[in-house]
Amino acid sequence: MRLINTMLAGWLSVIPAAALAASPGGDADEAIQYHHCIATARKNPPEGWAEAMAWSSLRDSEAARHCAAVAMVGLGQYADGAGRLEELAKTSTAAPRVRAGMFDQAALAWLLDKSADKAMADVTQALMLVPGAPDLLVDRAQIEAARNDYQAAQVDLDTVLAATPNNGIELIFRASTRRHLNDRAGAKADIDKALQALPRNPDAWLEKGILARLDNDEDGARAAWSKVIELAPDSAAALTAKQNLDLLDGHAQQ
């Protein structure tokens, strides 16, 4: 599911809000340093790692260890970063929502490492701390989809969308999930609604093209995939759209 990869790729640019809400166990000065370190780790993982190491050499705090783990994931060391986040979540004295955020980060890092079972274990821990949290249900749906359990993913997305029915990103995700479950009517309804909310979202147009192609609507698929390239020419969605258009053109020439 390409949308999942897009959401995971953006993980470092959208750190779970709970984990950013305060410096775990720290005072006001440490909170400022924590926010700076996390921001650096998000934008420039090597610099974030260096800052976290320098901070840890002066004071081995939870906040410094958390920043180091986030930087490690940004450096592509997914398993090691996930392990650090998981251990920190288990031993942290922070509030449950903050610990849940750490477990959730660990889960998504495990998913980047293609370790879906470990990811499921950590998101389960997160949901035990904050039952029913919508962001955690969406992340669990990502993991379920990665395990090819699309039925379970749809259940979680249905729960979330019952409360936020016009959330474009979640609608795109459910459209893809429904497509995998051969519910094309439901998938098309979701993607059309998603495009009302997010008319310039390349993932929505990519999914719309896939659904059109499945209905043998080659003109519709071509128009949707061309829209992806127009909106975000350098994106991963555009690369997939270009590949799909090449396949479509090759099919047309046969």
C-alpha atoms as a PDB file:
ATOM      1  CA  MET A   1       0.000   0.000   0.000  1.00  0.00           C
ATOM      2  CA  ARG A   2       1.883   3.047  -1.282  1.00  0.00           C
ATOM      3  CA  LEU A   3       0.065   5.496   0.956  1.00  0.00           C
ATOM      4  CA  ILE A   4       1.431   3.756   4.023  1.00  0.00           C
ATOM      5  CA  ASN A   5       4.964   4.277   2.753  1.00  0.00           C
ATOM      6  CA  THR A   6       4.207   7.975   2.265  1.00  0.00           C
ATOM      7  CA  MET A   7       2.880   8.296   5.801  1.00  0.00           C
ATOM      8  CA  LEU A   8       5.896   6.481   7.211  1.00  0.00           C
ATOM      9  CA  ALA A   9       8.274   8.607   5.184  1.00  0.00           C
ATOM     10  CA  GLY A  10       6.769  11.663   6.852  1.00  0.00           C
ATOM     11  CA  TRP A  11       7.185  10.231  10.354  1.00  0.00           C
ATOM     12  CA  LEU A  12      10.101  12.467  11.281  1.00  0.00           C
ATOM     13  CA  SER A  13       8.328  15.580  10.094  1.00  0.00           C
ATOM     14  CA  VAL A  14       5.287  14.910  12.308  1.00  0.00           C
ATOM     15  CA  ILE A  15       6.500  13.651  15.663  1.00  0.00           C
ATOM     16  CA  PRO A  16       3.540  12.470  17.798  1.00  0.00           C
ATOM     17  CA  ALA A  17       2.215  15.509  19.641  1.00  0.00           C
ATOM     18  CA  ALA A  18       2.273  13.774  23.003  1.00  0.00           C
ATOM     19  CA  ALA A  19       6.003  13.187  22.781  1.00  0.00           C
ATOM     20  CA  LEU A  20       6.575  16.860  21.986  1.00  0.00           C
ATOM     21  CA  ALA A  21       4.239  18.226  24.631  1.00  0.00           C
ATOM     22  CA  ALA A  22       6.917  18.396  27.283  1.00  0.00           C
ATOM     23  CA  SER A  23      10.407  17.244  28.030  1.00  0.00           C
ATOM     24  CA  PRO A  24      10.025  13.860  29.751  1.00  0.00           C
ATOM     25  CA  GLY A  25      10.792  14.366  33.381  1.00  0.00           C
ATOM     26  CA  GLY A  26      12.614  17.646  32.775  1.00  0.00           C
ATOM     27  CA  ASP A  27      12.477  21.285  33.890  1.00  0.00           C
ATOM     28  CA  ALA A  28      11.735  24.344  31.770  1.00  0.00           C
ATOM     29  CA  ASP A  29      15.309  24.766  30.491  1.00  0.00           C
ATOM     30  CA  GLU A  30      15.544  21.115  29.566  1.00  0.00           C
ATOM     31  CA  ALA A  31      12.189  21.359  27.789  1.00  0.00           C
ATOM     32  CA  ILE A  32      13.582  24.119  25.579  1.00  0.00           C
ATOM     33  CA  GLN A  33      16.668  22.052  24.818  1.00  0.00           C
ATOM     34  CA  TYR A  34      14.494  19.024  24.143  1.00  0.00           C
ATOM     35  CA  HIS A  35      12.332  20.849  21.611  1.00  0.00           C
ATOM     36  CA  HIS A  36      15.425  22.229  19.875  1.00  0.00           C
ATOM     37  CA  CYS A  37      17.062  18.804  19.735  1.00  0.00           C
ATOM     38  CA  ILE A  38      13.924  17.127  18.382  1.00  0.00           C
ATOM     39  CA  ALA A  39      13.485  19.844  15.756  1.00  0.00           C
ATOM     40  CA  THR A  40      17.095  19.368  14.676  1.00  0.00           C
ATOM     41  CA  ALA A  41      16.713  15.585  14.568  1.00  0.00           C
ATOM     42  CA  ARG A  42      13.650  15.980  12.360  1.00  0.00           C
ATOM     43  CA  LYS A  43      15.299  18.345   9.895  1.00  0.00           C
ATOM     44  CA  ASN A  44      18.889  17.104   9.977  1.00  0.00           C
ATOM     45  CA  PRO A  45      19.310  13.693  11.660  1.00  0.00           C
ATOM     46  CA  PRO A  46      23.151  13.750  11.725  1.00  0.00           C
ATOM     47  CA  GLU A  47      23.144  17.108  13.505  1.00  0.00           C
ATOM     48  CA  GLY A  48      20.362  15.931  15.784  1.00  0.00           C
ATOM     49  CA  TRP A  49      22.368  12.851  16.704  1.00  0.00           C
ATOM     50  CA  ALA A  50      25.452  14.980  17.465  1.00  0.00           C
ATOM     51  CA  GLU A  51      23.390  17.331  19.616  1.00  0.00           C
ATOM     52  CA  ALA A  52      21.815  14.433  21.507  1.00  0.00           C
ATOM     53  CA  MET A  53      25.229  12.855  22.137  1.00  0.00           C
ATOM     54  CA  ALA A  54      26.683  16.148  23.389  1.00  0.00           C
ATOM     55  CA  TRP A  55      23.667  16.608  25.650  1.00  0.00           C
ATOM     56  CA  SER A  56      23.914  13.055  26.972  1.00  0.00           C
ATOM     57  CA  SER A  57      27.587  13.561  27.839  1.00  0.00           C
ATOM     58  CA  LEU A  58      26.533  16.342  30.215  1.00  0.00           C
ATOM     59  CA  ARG A  59      23.325  14.786  31.487  1.00  0.00           C
ATOM     60  CA  ASP A  60      21.959  11.365  30.582  1.00  0.00           C
ATOM     61  CA  SER A  61      18.286  12.355  30.684  1.00  0.00           C
ATOM     62  CA  GLU A  62      15.218  10.706  29.181  1.00  0.00           C
ATOM     63  CA  ALA A  63      14.806  13.704  26.915  1.00  0.00           C
ATOM     64  CA  ALA A  64      18.328  13.345  25.491  1.00  0.00           C
ATOM     65  CA  ARG A  65      17.861   9.603  24.935  1.00  0.00           C
ATOM     66  CA  HIS A  66      14.560  10.213  23.180  1.00  0.00           C
ATOM     67  CA  CYS A  67      16.130  12.783  20.852  1.00  0.00           C
ATOM     68  CA  ALA A  68      18.963  10.357  20.063  1.00  0.00           C
ATOM     69  CA  ALA A  69      16.493   7.610  19.191  1.00  0.00           C
ATOM     70  CA  VAL A  70      14.521   9.908  16.882  1.00  0.00           C
ATOM     71  CA  ALA A  71      17.750  10.958  15.144  1.00  0.00           C
ATOM     72  CA  MET A  72      18.764   7.317  14.764  1.00  0.00           C
ATOM     73  CA  VAL A  73      15.533   6.521  12.935  1.00  0.00           C
ATOM     74  CA  GLY A  74      16.143   9.532  10.717  1.00  0.00           C
ATOM     75  CA  LEU A  75      19.573   8.105   9.911  1.00  0.00           C
ATOM     76  CA  GLY A  76      17.930   4.921   8.652  1.00  0.00           C
ATOM     77  CA  GLN A  77      18.981   2.806  11.628  1.00  0.00           C
ATOM     78  CA  TYR A  78      15.400   1.680  12.095  1.00  0.00           C
ATOM     79  CA  ALA A  79      15.839  -1.397  14.265  1.00  0.00           C
ATOM     80  CA  ASP A  80      18.278   0.250  16.655  1.00  0.00           C
ATOM     81  CA  GLY A  81      16.132   3.378  16.857  1.00  0.00           C
ATOM     82  CA  ALA A  82      12.999   1.327  17.424  1.00  0.00           C
ATOM     83  CA  GLY A  83      14.695  -0.646  20.167  1.00  0.00           C
ATOM     84  CA  ARG A  84      15.784   2.525  21.933  1.00  0.00           C
ATOM     85  CA  LEU A  85      12.313   4.049  21.689  1.00  0.00           C
ATOM     86  CA  GLU A  86      10.717   0.846  22.944  1.00  0.00           C
ATOM     87  CA  GLU A  87      13.049   0.610  25.938  1.00  0.00           C
ATOM     88  CA  LEU A  88      12.544   4.277  26.762  1.00  0.00           C
ATOM     89  CA  ALA A  89       8.755   3.881  26.618  1.00  0.00           C
ATOM     90  CA  LYS A  90       8.970   0.924  29.008  1.00  0.00           C
ATOM     91  CA  THR A  91      11.165   2.678  31.571  1.00  0.00           C
ATOM     92  CA  SER A  92       9.988   6.283  31.251  1.00  0.00           C
ATOM     93  CA  THR A  93       8.430   8.096  34.184  1.00  0.00           C
ATOM     94  CA  ALA A  94       6.535  10.412  31.825  1.00  0.00           C
ATOM     95  CA  ALA A  95       2.750  10.619  31.565  1.00  0.00           C
ATOM     96  CA  PRO A  96       0.912   7.741  29.846  1.00  0.00           C
ATOM     97  CA  ARG A  97       0.198   9.772  26.696  1.00  0.00           C
ATOM     98  CA  VAL A  98       3.881  10.598  26.313  1.00  0.00           C
ATOM     99  CA  ARG A  99       4.883   6.956  26.807  1.00  0.00           C
ATOM    100  CA  ALA A 100       2.218   5.935  24.307  1.00  0.00           C
ATOM    101  CA  GLY A 101       3.762   8.357  21.813  1.00  0.00           C
ATOM    102  CA  MET A 102       7.148   6.690  22.292  1.00  0.00           C
ATOM    103  CA  PHE A 103       5.665   3.224  21.809  1.00  0.00           C
ATOM    104  CA  ASP A 104       3.948   4.517  18.678  1.00  0.00           C
ATOM    105  CA  GLN A 105       7.197   5.920  17.324  1.00  0.00           C
ATOM    106  CA  ALA A 106       8.860   2.589  18.042  1.00  0.00           C
ATOM    107  CA  ALA A 107       6.069   0.796  16.201  1.00  0.00           C
ATOM    108  CA  LEU A 108       6.444   2.941  13.089  1.00  0.00           C
ATOM    109  CA  ALA A 109      10.212   2.553  13.193  1.00  0.00           C
ATOM    110  CA  TRP A 110       9.768  -1.232  13.330  1.00  0.00           C
ATOM    111  CA  LEU A 111       7.457  -0.939  10.347  1.00  0.00           C
ATOM    112  CA  LEU A 112      10.162   0.947   8.447  1.00  0.00           C
ATOM    113  CA  ASP A 113      12.409  -1.980   9.369  1.00  0.00           C
ATOM    114  CA  LYS A 114       9.780  -4.318   7.855  1.00  0.00           C
ATOM    115  CA  SER A 115       9.244  -5.906  11.258  1.00  0.00           C
ATOM    116  CA  ALA A 116       5.455  -5.743  11.346  1.00  0.00           C
ATOM    117  CA  ASP A 117       5.018  -8.151  14.256  1.00  0.00           C
ATOM    118  CA  LYS A 118       7.261  -6.058  16.493  1.00  0.00           C
ATOM    119  CA  ALA A 119       5.421  -2.966  15.308  1.00  0.00           C
ATOM    120  CA  MET A 120       2.106  -4.513  16.297  1.00  0.00           C
ATOM    121  CA  ALA A 121       3.414  -5.367  19.754  1.00  0.00           C
ATOM    122  CA  ASP A 122       4.448  -1.762  20.381  1.00  0.00           C
ATOM    123  CA  VAL A 123       1.301  -0.111  19.030  1.00  0.00           C
ATOM    124  CA  THR A 124      -0.676  -2.516  21.222  1.00  0.00           C
ATOM    125  CA  GLN A 125       1.286  -1.243  24.221  1.00  0.00           C
ATOM    126  CA  ALA A 126       0.514   2.319  23.154  1.00  0.00           C
ATOM    127  CA  LEU A 127      -3.202   1.609  22.933  1.00  0.00           C
ATOM    128  CA  MET A 128      -3.168  -0.012  26.358  1.00  0.00           C
ATOM    129  CA  LEU A 129      -1.894   3.298  27.728  1.00  0.00           C
ATOM    130  CA  VAL A 130      -4.342   5.444  25.741  1.00  0.00           C
ATOM    131  CA  PRO A 131      -7.260   3.240  24.660  1.00  0.00           C
ATOM    132  CA  GLY A 132      -9.044   4.297  21.488  1.00  0.00           C
ATOM    133  CA  ALA A 133      -6.702   7.186  20.622  1.00  0.00           C
ATOM    134  CA  PRO A 134      -7.492   8.002  16.954  1.00  0.00           C
ATOM    135  CA  ASP A 135      -3.878   8.590  15.883  1.00  0.00           C
ATOM    136  CA  LEU A 136      -2.874   5.250  17.376  1.00  0.00           C
ATOM    137  CA  LEU A 137      -5.759   3.468  15.636  1.00  0.00           C
ATOM    138  CA  VAL A 138      -4.633   4.916  12.300  1.00  0.00           C
ATOM    139  CA  ASP A 139      -1.089   3.728  12.941  1.00  0.00           C
ATOM    140  CA  ARG A 140      -2.360   0.302  13.941  1.00  0.00           C
ATOM    141  CA  ALA A 141      -4.268   0.211  10.664  1.00  0.00           C
ATOM    142  CA  GLN A 142      -0.994   0.892   8.835  1.00  0.00           C
ATOM    143  CA  ILE A 143       0.585  -2.058  10.585  1.00  0.00           C
ATOM    144  CA  GLU A 144      -2.408  -4.304   9.941  1.00  0.00           C
ATOM    145  CA  ALA A 145      -2.290  -3.427   6.250  1.00  0.00           C
ATOM    146  CA  ALA A 146       1.430  -4.219   6.194  1.00  0.00           C
ATOM    147  CA  ARG A 147       0.486  -7.650   7.565  1.00  0.00           C
ATOM    148  CA  ASN A 148      -2.148  -7.977   4.806  1.00  0.00           C
ATOM    149  CA  ASP A 149      -4.910  -7.882   7.404  1.00  0.00           C
ATOM    150  CA  TYR A 150      -7.001  -5.342   5.516  1.00  0.00           C
ATOM    151  CA  GLN A 151     -10.209  -6.308   7.278  1.00  0.00           C
ATOM    152  CA  ALA A 152      -8.758  -5.323  10.641  1.00  0.00           C
ATOM    153  CA  ALA A 153      -7.330  -2.154   9.117  1.00  0.00           C
ATOM    154  CA  GLN A 154     -10.756  -1.169   7.850  1.00  0.00           C
ATOM    155  CA  VAL A 155     -12.311  -1.726  11.277  1.00  0.00           C
ATOM    156  CA  ASP A 156      -9.821   0.695  12.837  1.00  0.00           C
ATOM    157  CA  LEU A 157     -10.286   3.240  10.055  1.00  0.00           C
ATOM    158  CA  ASP A 158     -14.065   2.945  10.304  1.00  0.00           C
ATOM    159  CA  THR A 159     -13.793   3.776  13.998  1.00  0.00           C
ATOM    160  CA  VAL A 160     -11.664   6.839  13.357  1.00  0.00           C
ATOM    161  CA  LEU A 161     -13.732   8.094  10.429  1.00  0.00           C
ATOM    162  CA  ALA A 162     -16.950   7.745  12.418  1.00  0.00           C
ATOM    163  CA  ALA A 163     -15.656  10.659  14.509  1.00  0.00           C
ATOM    164  CA  THR A 164     -13.924  12.592  11.689  1.00  0.00           C
ATOM    165  CA  PRO A 165     -15.836  11.653   8.517  1.00  0.00           C
ATOM    166  CA  ASN A 166     -14.226  14.325   6.334  1.00  0.00           C
ATOM    167  CA  ASN A 167     -10.595  13.581   7.159  1.00  0.00           C
ATOM    168  CA  GLY A 168      -9.046  13.396   3.697  1.00  0.00           C
ATOM    169  CA  ILE A 169      -5.905  11.447   4.598  1.00  0.00           C
ATOM    170  CA  GLU A 170      -7.828   8.786   6.478  1.00  0.00           C
ATOM    171  CA  LEU A 171     -10.321   8.537   3.606  1.00  0.00           C
ATOM    172  CA  ILE A 172      -7.487   7.927   1.128  1.00  0.00           C
ATOM    173  CA  PHE A 173      -6.106   5.247   3.417  1.00  0.00           C
ATOM    174  CA  ARG A 174      -9.499   3.557   3.753  1.00  0.00           C
ATOM    175  CA  ALA A 175     -10.068   3.759  -0.009  1.00  0.00           C
ATOM    176  CA  SER A 176      -6.853   1.824  -0.537  1.00  0.00           C
ATOM    177  CA  THR A 177      -7.847  -0.635   2.182  1.00  0.00           C
ATOM    178  CA  ARG A 178     -11.274  -1.172   0.607  1.00  0.00           C
ATOM    179  CA  ARG A 179      -9.658  -1.692  -2.790  1.00  0.00           C
ATOM    180  CA  HIS A 180      -7.568  -4.496  -1.333  1.00  0.00           C
ATOM    181  CA  LEU A 181     -10.796  -5.989   0.030  1.00  0.00           C
ATOM    182  CA  ASN A 182     -12.360  -5.791  -3.480  1.00  0.00           C
ATOM    183  CA  ASP A 183     -14.890  -3.200  -2.294  1.00  0.00           C
ATOM    184  CA  ARG A 184     -14.462  -0.914  -5.290  1.00  0.00           C
ATOM    185  CA  ALA A 185     -17.710   0.953  -4.732  1.00  0.00           C
ATOM    186  CA  GLY A 186     -16.691   1.818  -1.186  1.00  0.00           C
ATOM    187  CA  ALA A 187     -13.173   2.707  -2.316  1.00  0.00           C
ATOM    188  CA  LYS A 188     -14.461   5.055  -5.027  1.00  0.00           C
ATOM    189  CA  ALA A 189     -16.863   6.719  -2.599  1.00  0.00           C
ATOM    190  CA  ASP A 190     -13.996   7.308  -0.159  1.00  0.00           C
ATOM    191  CA  ILE A 191     -11.611   8.677  -2.779  1.00  0.00           C
ATOM    192  CA  ASP A 192     -14.215  11.035  -4.207  1.00  0.00           C
ATOM    193  CA  LYS A 193     -14.938  12.346  -0.724  1.00  0.00           C
ATOM    194  CA  ALA A 194     -11.210  12.630  -0.016  1.00  0.00           C
ATOM    195  CA  LEU A 195     -10.738  14.724  -3.137  1.00  0.00           C
ATOM    196  CA  GLN A 196     -13.476  17.087  -1.994  1.00  0.00           C
ATOM    197  CA  ALA A 197     -11.433  17.690   1.164  1.00  0.00           C
ATOM    198  CA  LEU A 198      -7.984  17.518  -0.463  1.00  0.00           C
ATOM    199  CA  PRO A 199      -8.351  18.356  -4.168  1.00  0.00           C
ATOM    200  CA  ARG A 200      -4.597  18.746  -4.654  1.00  0.00           C
ATOM    201  CA  ASN A 201      -3.450  15.628  -2.818  1.00  0.00           C
ATOM    202  CA  PRO A 202      -1.322  13.464  -5.146  1.00  0.00           C
ATOM    203  CA  ASP A 203      -1.995  10.247  -3.219  1.00  0.00           C
ATOM    204  CA  ALA A 204      -5.735  10.733  -3.688  1.00  0.00           C
ATOM    205  CA  TRP A 205      -5.324  11.185  -7.440  1.00  0.00           C
ATOM    206  CA  LEU A 206      -3.005   8.182  -7.607  1.00  0.00           C
ATOM    207  CA  GLU A 207      -5.614   6.015  -5.905  1.00  0.00           C
ATOM    208  CA  LYS A 208      -8.346   7.413  -8.148  1.00  0.00           C
ATOM    209  CA  GLY A 209      -6.298   6.361 -11.171  1.00  0.00           C
ATOM    210  CA  ILE A 210      -5.787   2.861  -9.825  1.00  0.00           C
ATOM    211  CA  LEU A 211      -9.520   2.473  -9.258  1.00  0.00           C
ATOM    212  CA  ALA A 212     -10.277   3.779 -12.745  1.00  0.00           C
ATOM    213  CA  ARG A 213      -7.833   1.291 -14.268  1.00  0.00           C
ATOM    214  CA  LEU A 214      -9.458  -1.563 -12.372  1.00  0.00           C
ATOM    215  CA  ASP A 215     -12.739  -0.507 -13.988  1.00  0.00           C
ATOM    216  CA  ASN A 216     -11.018  -0.577 -17.410  1.00  0.00           C
ATOM    217  CA  ASP A 217     -11.436   3.198 -17.636  1.00  0.00           C
ATOM    218  CA  GLU A 218      -8.079   3.902 -19.251  1.00  0.00           C
ATOM    219  CA  ASP A 219      -8.897   7.528 -20.039  1.00  0.00           C
ATOM    220  CA  GLY A 220      -9.897   8.146 -16.436  1.00  0.00           C
ATOM    221  CA  ALA A 221      -6.758   6.421 -15.145  1.00  0.00           C
ATOM    222  CA  ARG A 222      -4.545   8.418 -17.492  1.00  0.00           C
ATOM    223  CA  ALA A 223      -6.167  11.705 -16.468  1.00  0.00           C
ATOM    224  CA  ALA A 224      -5.811  10.947 -12.749  1.00  0.00           C
ATOM    225  CA  TRP A 225      -2.179   9.850 -12.985  1.00  0.00           C
ATOM    226  CA  SER A 226      -1.323  12.859 -15.142  1.00  0.00           C
ATOM    227  CA  LYS A 227      -2.829  15.017 -12.386  1.00  0.00           C
ATOM    228  CA  VAL A 228      -0.464  13.421  -9.867  1.00  0.00           C
ATOM    229  CA  ILE A 229       2.536  14.417 -11.980  1.00  0.00           C
ATOM    230  CA  GLU A 230       1.163  17.924 -12.451  1.00  0.00           C
ATOM    231  CA  LEU A 231       0.612  18.447  -8.726  1.00  0.00           C
ATOM    232  CA  ALA A 232       3.801  16.864  -7.341  1.00  0.00           C
ATOM    233  CA  PRO A 233       6.273  16.060 -10.132  1.00  0.00           C
ATOM    234  CA  ASP A 234       9.134  15.091  -7.815  1.00  0.00           C
ATOM    235  CA  SER A 235       7.110  12.996  -5.371  1.00  0.00           C
ATOM    236  CA  ALA A 236       7.027   9.253  -4.841  1.00  0.00           C
ATOM    237  CA  ALA A 237       3.406   9.369  -5.968  1.00  0.00           C
ATOM    238  CA  ALA A 238       4.488  10.919  -9.278  1.00  0.00           C
ATOM    239  CA  LEU A 239       7.089   8.184  -9.800  1.00  0.00           C
ATOM    240  CA  THR A 240       4.422   5.538  -9.333  1.00  0.00           C
ATOM    241  CA  ALA A 241       2.049   7.452 -11.615  1.00  0.00           C
ATOM    242  CA  LYS A 242       4.706   7.640 -14.341  1.00  0.00           C
ATOM    243  CA  GLN A 243       5.348   3.913 -14.068  1.00  0.00           C
ATOM    244  CA  ASN A 244       1.622   3.222 -14.292  1.00  0.00           C
ATOM    245  CA  LEU A 245       1.279   5.483 -17.331  1.00  0.00           C
ATOM    246  CA  ASP A 246       4.157   3.693 -19.049  1.00  0.00           C
ATOM    247  CA  LEU A 247       2.456   0.370 -18.421  1.00  0.00           C
ATOM    248  CA  LEU A 248      -0.834   1.758 -19.665  1.00  0.00           C
ATOM    249  CA  ASP A 249       0.767   3.137 -22.824  1.00  0.00           C
ATOM    250  CA  GLY A 250       2.557  -0.149 -23.422  1.00  0.00           C
ATOM    251  CA  HIS A 251      -0.705  -2.010 -23.085  1.00  0.00           C
ATOM    252  CA  ALA A 252      -2.399   0.359 -25.515  1.00  0.00           C
ATOM    253  CA  GLN A 253       0.301  -0.258 -28.144  1.00  0.00           C
ATOM    254  CA  GLN A 254      -0.113  -4.033 -28.054  1.00  0.00           C
END
